[in-house]
Every structure is written in C-alpha cells, then in structure tokens.
PDB file of N, CA and C in Angstrom:
ATOM      1  N   MET A   1      -8.104  -6.313   3.453  1.00  0.00           N
ATOM      2  CA  MET A   1      -8.215  -5.984   2.151  1.00  0.00           C
ATOM      3  C   MET A   1      -9.545  -6.715   1.550  1.00  0.00           C
ATOM      4  N   ASP A   2     -10.363  -6.325   0.555  1.00  0.00           N
ATOM      5  CA  ASP A   2     -11.370  -7.036   0.054  1.00  0.00           C
ATOM      6  C   ASP A   2     -10.822  -7.581  -1.109  1.00  0.00           C
ATOM      7  N   ASP A   3     -11.128  -9.147  -1.421  1.00  0.00           N
ATOM      8  CA  ASP A   3     -10.648  -9.940  -2.289  1.00  0.00           C
ATOM      9  C   ASP A   3     -11.670  -9.200  -3.702  1.00  0.00           C
ATOM     10  N   LYS A   4     -12.825  -8.648  -3.303  1.00  0.00           N
ATOM     11  CA  LYS A   4     -13.543  -8.558  -4.180  1.00  0.00           C
ATOM     12  C   LYS A   4     -13.651  -7.005  -4.692  1.00  0.00           C
ATOM     13  N   GLN A   5     -12.750  -6.108  -4.050  1.00  0.00           N
ATOM     14  CA  GLN A   5     -12.579  -4.940  -4.450  1.00  0.00           C
ATOM     15  C   GLN A   5     -12.436  -4.936  -6.132  1.00  0.00           C
ATOM     16  N   ALA A   6     -13.014  -3.794  -6.649  1.00  0.00           N
ATOM     17  CA  ALA A   6     -12.829  -3.724  -8.278  1.00  0.00           C
ATOM     18  C   ALA A   6     -11.726  -2.754  -8.269  1.00  0.00           C
ATOM     19  N   VAL A   7     -10.973  -3.310  -9.235  1.00  0.00           N
ATOM     20  CA  VAL A   7      -9.906  -2.097  -9.415  1.00  0.00           C
ATOM     21  C   VAL A   7      -9.658  -1.728 -10.930  1.00  0.00           C
ATOM     22  N   ILE A   8      -9.690  -0.336 -10.822  1.00  0.00           N
ATOM     23  CA  ILE A   8     -10.230   0.295 -12.310  1.00  0.00           C
ATOM     24  C   ILE A   8      -8.515   0.665 -12.726  1.00  0.00           C
ATOM     25  N   LEU A   9      -7.666   0.469 -13.856  1.00  0.00           N
ATOM     26  CA  LEU A   9      -6.173   0.720 -14.293  1.00  0.00           C
ATOM     27  C   LEU A   9      -6.917   1.866 -15.204  1.00  0.00           C
ATOM     28  N   ASN A  10      -5.740   3.023 -15.522  1.00  0.00           N
ATOM     29  CA  ASN A  10      -5.736   3.934 -16.147  1.00  0.00           C
ATOM     30  C   ASN A  10      -4.634   3.625 -17.651  1.00  0.00           C
ATOM     31  N   TYR A  11      -4.730   4.400 -18.354  1.00  0.00           N
ATOM     32  CA  TYR A  11      -3.843   3.998 -19.544  1.00  0.00           C
ATOM     33  C   TYR A  11      -2.276   3.967 -19.142  1.00  0.00           C
ATOM     34  N   GLU A  12      -2.020   4.299 -18.110  1.00  0.00           N
ATOM     35  CA  GLU A  12      -0.505   3.955 -17.566  1.00  0.00           C
ATOM     36  C   GLU A  12      -0.376   2.589 -16.865  1.00  0.00           C
ATOM     37  N   HIS A  13      -1.168   1.699 -16.788  1.00  0.00           N
ATOM     38  CA  HIS A  13      -1.005   0.349 -16.282  1.00  0.00           C
ATOM     39  C   HIS A  13      -1.482  -0.674 -16.884  1.00  0.00           C
ATOM     40  N   ILE A  14      -1.205  -1.623 -16.997  1.00  0.00           N
ATOM     41  CA  ILE A  14      -1.918  -2.801 -17.814  1.00  0.00           C
ATOM     42  C   ILE A  14      -2.191  -4.083 -16.832  1.00  0.00           C
ATOM     43  N   GLU A  15      -1.682  -3.854 -15.510  1.00  0.00           N
ATOM     44  CA  GLU A  15      -2.041  -5.301 -15.053  1.00  0.00           C
ATOM     45  C   GLU A  15      -1.969  -4.844 -13.401  1.00  0.00           C
ATOM     46  N   TYR A  16      -2.439  -5.281 -12.440  1.00  0.00           N
ATOM     47  CA  TYR A  16      -2.169  -5.299 -11.207  1.00  0.00           C
ATOM     48  C   TYR A  16      -2.099  -6.558 -10.569  1.00  0.00           C
ATOM     49  N   LYS A  17      -1.650  -6.633  -8.884  1.00  0.00           N
ATOM     50  CA  LYS A  17      -1.394  -7.623  -8.328  1.00  0.00           C
ATOM     51  C   LYS A  17      -1.888  -7.227  -6.722  1.00  0.00           C
ATOM     52  N   TRP A  18      -2.240  -8.037  -5.811  1.00  0.00           N
ATOM     53  CA  TRP A  18      -2.552  -7.659  -4.724  1.00  0.00           C
ATOM     54  C   TRP A  18      -1.526  -8.559  -3.834  1.00  0.00           C
ATOM     55  N   LEU A  19      -0.459  -7.818  -3.229  1.00  0.00           N
ATOM     56  CA  LEU A  19       0.560  -8.420  -2.323  1.00  0.00           C
ATOM     57  C   LEU A  19       0.597  -7.982  -1.059  1.00  0.00           C
ATOM     58  N   SER A  20       1.310  -8.761  -0.002  1.00  0.00           N
ATOM     59  CA  SER A  20       1.632  -8.420   1.039  1.00  0.00           C
ATOM     60  C   SER A  20       2.587  -7.362   1.197  1.00  0.00           C
ATOM     61  N   PHE A  21       3.108  -6.786   2.069  1.00  0.00           N
ATOM     62  CA  PHE A  21       4.097  -5.802   1.904  1.00  0.00           C
ATOM     63  C   PHE A  21       5.575  -6.510   1.645  1.00  0.00           C
ATOM     64  N   ASN A  22       5.359  -7.449   2.452  1.00  0.00           N
ATOM     65  CA  ASN A  22       6.938  -8.149   1.806  1.00  0.00           C
ATOM     66  C   ASN A  22       7.030  -8.408   0.620  1.00  0.00           C
ATOM     67  N   GLU A  23       6.032  -9.094  -0.242  1.00  0.00           N
ATOM     68  CA  GLU A  23       6.105  -9.393  -1.348  1.00  0.00           C
ATOM     69  C   GLU A  23       6.206  -7.967  -2.339  1.00  0.00           C
ATOM     70  N   ALA A  24       5.629  -7.055  -2.246  1.00  0.00           N
ATOM     71  CA  ALA A  24       5.676  -5.884  -2.565  1.00  0.00           C
ATOM     72  C   ALA A  24       6.720  -5.214  -2.463  1.00  0.00           C
ATOM     73  N   ILE A  25       7.783  -5.331  -1.276  1.00  0.00           N
ATOM     74  CA  ILE A  25       8.899  -4.757  -1.324  1.00  0.00           C
ATOM     75  C   ILE A  25       9.912  -5.686  -2.212  1.00  0.00           C
ATOM     76  N   GLU A  26       9.733  -6.707  -2.450  1.00  0.00           N
ATOM     77  CA  GLU A  26      10.626  -7.647  -3.608  1.00  0.00           C
ATOM     78  C   GLU A  26      10.344  -7.185  -5.065  1.00  0.00           C
ATOM     79  N   TYR A  27       9.147  -6.628  -5.120  1.00  0.00           N
ATOM     80  CA  TYR A  27       8.983  -6.247  -6.257  1.00  0.00           C
ATOM     81  C   TYR A  27       9.281  -4.631  -7.067  1.00  0.00           C
ATOM     82  N   LEU A  28       9.497  -4.033  -6.022  1.00  0.00           N
ATOM     83  CA  LEU A  28      10.008  -2.646  -6.260  1.00  0.00           C
ATOM     84  C   LEU A  28      11.341  -2.558  -6.624  1.00  0.00           C
ATOM     85  N   THR A  29      11.501  -1.310  -7.554  1.00  0.00           N
ATOM     86  CA  THR A  29      12.975  -1.118  -8.260  1.00  0.00           C
ATOM     87  C   THR A  29      13.059   0.406  -7.981  1.00  0.00           C
ATOM     88  N   LEU A  30      12.350   1.457  -7.615  1.00  0.00           N
ATOM     89  CA  LEU A  30      12.909   2.647  -7.207  1.00  0.00           C
ATOM     90  C   LEU A  30      13.374   2.338  -5.987  1.00  0.00           C
ATOM     91  N   PRO A  31      14.675   3.299  -5.876  1.00  0.00           N
ATOM     92  CA  PRO A  31      15.311   3.321  -4.265  1.00  0.00           C
ATOM     93  C   PRO A  31      14.188   4.099  -3.360  1.00  0.00           C
ATOM     94  N   GLY A  32      14.279   3.589  -2.261  1.00  0.00           N
ATOM     95  CA  GLY A  32      13.580   4.365  -1.314  1.00  0.00           C
ATOM     96  C   GLY A  32      12.101   3.878  -1.034  1.00  0.00           C
ATOM     97  N   ASN A  33      11.597   3.315  -2.113  1.00  0.00           N
ATOM     98  CA  ASN A  33      10.177   2.803  -1.932  1.00  0.00           C
ATOM     99  C   ASN A  33       9.964   1.797  -0.809  1.00  0.00           C
ATOM    100  N   ASN A  34      11.281   1.158  -0.817  1.00  0.00           N
ATOM    101  CA  ASN A  34      10.987  -0.129   0.301  1.00  0.00           C
ATOM    102  C   ASN A  34      10.736   0.625   1.794  1.00  0.00           C
ATOM    103  N   GLU A  35      11.673   1.981   2.391  1.00  0.00           N
ATOM    104  CA  GLU A  35      11.331   2.518   2.963  1.00  0.00           C
ATOM    105  C   GLU A  35      10.078   2.890   3.363  1.00  0.00           C
ATOM    106  N   VAL A  36       9.391   3.306   2.075  1.00  0.00           N
ATOM    107  CA  VAL A  36       8.088   3.839   2.210  1.00  0.00           C
ATOM    108  C   VAL A  36       7.047   2.872   2.728  1.00  0.00           C
ATOM    109  N   LEU A  37       7.127   1.683   1.978  1.00  0.00           N
ATOM    110  CA  LEU A  37       6.178   0.839   2.634  1.00  0.00           C
ATOM    111  C   LEU A  37       6.319   0.032   3.803  1.00  0.00           C
ATOM    112  N   THR A  38       7.517   0.256   4.347  1.00  0.00           N
ATOM    113  CA  THR A  38       7.770  -0.098   5.933  1.00  0.00           C
ATOM    114  C   THR A  38       7.254   0.534   6.696  1.00  0.00           C
ATOM    115  N   PHE A  39       7.369   1.899   6.430  1.00  0.00           N
ATOM    116  CA  PHE A  39       6.944   2.852   7.366  1.00  0.00           C
ATOM    117  C   PHE A  39       5.300   3.040   7.145  1.00  0.00           C
ATOM    118  N   VAL A  40       4.625   2.946   6.252  1.00  0.00           N
ATOM    119  CA  VAL A  40       2.962   2.844   6.016  1.00  0.00           C
ATOM    120  C   VAL A  40       2.582   1.308   6.861  1.00  0.00           C
ATOM    121  N   GLU A  41       3.281   0.303   6.738  1.00  0.00           N
ATOM    122  CA  GLU A  41       2.879  -1.145   7.465  1.00  0.00           C
ATOM    123  C   GLU A  41       2.906  -0.816   8.875  1.00  0.00           C
ATOM    124  N   LYS A  42       4.288  -0.269   9.404  1.00  0.00           N
ATOM    125  CA  LYS A  42       4.484   0.034  10.725  1.00  0.00           C
ATOM    126  C   LYS A  42       3.609   1.303  11.456  1.00  0.00           C
ATOM    127  N   HIS A  43       3.183   1.954  10.879  1.00  0.00           N
ATOM    128  CA  HIS A  43       2.351   3.106  11.352  1.00  0.00           C
ATOM    129  C   HIS A  43       0.724   3.443  10.881  1.00  0.00           C
ATOM    130  N   PHE A  44       0.470   2.677  10.037  1.00  0.00           N
ATOM    131  CA  PHE A  44      -1.090   2.705   9.360  1.00  0.00           C
ATOM    132  C   PHE A  44      -1.405   1.304   9.435  1.00  0.00           C
ATOM    133  N   VAL A  45      -0.775  -0.171   9.404  1.00  0.00           N
ATOM    134  CA  VAL A  45      -1.272  -1.443   9.493  1.00  0.00           C
ATOM    135  C   VAL A  45      -1.296  -1.929  10.801  1.00  0.00           C
ATOM    136  N   ARG A  46      -0.072  -1.929  11.337  1.00  0.00           N
ATOM    137  CA  ARG A  46       0.189  -2.690  12.723  1.00  0.00           C
ATOM    138  C   ARG A  46      -0.330  -1.777  13.670  1.00  0.00           C
ATOM    139  N   ASN A  47      -0.423  -0.469  13.671  1.00  0.00           N
ATOM    140  CA  ASN A  47      -0.816   0.550  14.571  1.00  0.00           C
ATOM    141  C   ASN A  47      -1.824   1.375  14.099  1.00  0.00           C
ATOM    142  N   THR A  48      -2.701   1.643  15.166  1.00  0.00           N
ATOM    143  CA  THR A  48      -3.763   2.454  14.516  1.00  0.00           C
ATOM    144  C   THR A  48      -3.305   3.971  14.642  1.00  0.00           C
ATOM    145  N   PRO A  49      -3.323   5.040  13.779  1.00  0.00           N
ATOM    146  CA  PRO A  49      -2.947   6.144  13.447  1.00  0.00           C
ATOM    147  C   PRO A  49      -3.727   7.011  14.536  1.00  0.00           C
ATOM    148  N   THR A  50      -2.662   7.932  15.059  1.00  0.00           N
ATOM    149  CA  THR A  50      -3.337   9.063  16.186  1.00  0.00           C
ATOM    150  C   THR A  50      -4.873   9.329  15.521  1.00  0.00           C
ATOM    151  N   LYS A  51      -5.452  10.209  16.326  1.00  0.00           N
ATOM    152  CA  LYS A  51      -6.702  10.966  15.815  1.00  0.00           C
ATOM    153  C   LYS A  51      -6.579  12.191  14.691  1.00  0.00           C
ATOM    154  N   LEU A  52      -5.132  12.623  14.869  1.00  0.00           N
ATOM    155  CA  LEU A  52      -4.779  13.875  14.097  1.00  0.00           C
ATOM    156  C   LEU A  52      -4.740  13.261  12.445  1.00  0.00           C
ATOM    157  N   LEU A  53      -4.513  12.115  12.521  1.00  0.00           N
ATOM    158  CA  LEU A  53      -4.339  11.491  11.172  1.00  0.00           C
ATOM    159  C   LEU A  53      -5.686  10.938  10.374  1.00  0.00           C
ATOM    160  N   HIS A  54      -6.745  11.124  11.081  1.00  0.00           N
ATOM    161  CA  HIS A  54      -7.971  10.400  10.562  1.00  0.00           C
ATOM    162  C   HIS A  54      -8.514  11.305   9.829  1.00  0.00           C
ATOM    163  N   ILE A  55      -9.205  10.875   8.871  1.00  0.00           N
ATOM    164  CA  ILE A  55      -9.720  11.529   7.837  1.00  0.00           C
ATOM    165  C   ILE A  55     -11.319  11.703   7.891  1.00  0.00           C
ATOM    166  N   GLY A  56     -12.088  12.428   8.313  1.00  0.00           N
ATOM    167  CA  GLY A  56     -13.178  12.495   8.312  1.00  0.00           C
ATOM    168  C   GLY A  56     -14.244  12.012   7.161  1.00  0.00           C
ATOM    169  N   LYS A  57     -15.535  11.397   7.688  1.00  0.00           N
ATOM    170  CA  LYS A  57     -16.068  10.860   6.532  1.00  0.00           C
ATOM    171  C   LYS A  57     -17.118  11.839   6.098  1.00  0.00           C
TER     172      LYS A  57
END
C-alpha cells in the first residue's frame, strides 16, 4: 500500500480510511463481506495468484 496514493471520492462517499484486513472486517456491516475480505487476503495478498488471474498491462 502506498501511503501517498491519492484517493478520489465520488458523491456517494464522504470519507475513507486505510485499514488492515482485520480492521476492515470489524467495520463491515453487510453479511458475507467478511468472507469476501478473508478470501481476497488469502488468495491475492498472502499467495501469488495463478498466471490465469493476471491482468495484462
């Protein structure tokens, strides 16, 4: 994560926070979103995705 990354909000948002996966899970209110974050962390952060999931530049 780049702490200097510019964040652009649209009309639907008024603020943002950079959070770890565990912190983000604590903020979630919609059922099932914790499973999504856990999946993303497991398969895309802690492990390298397979070449089939890479997006070309």
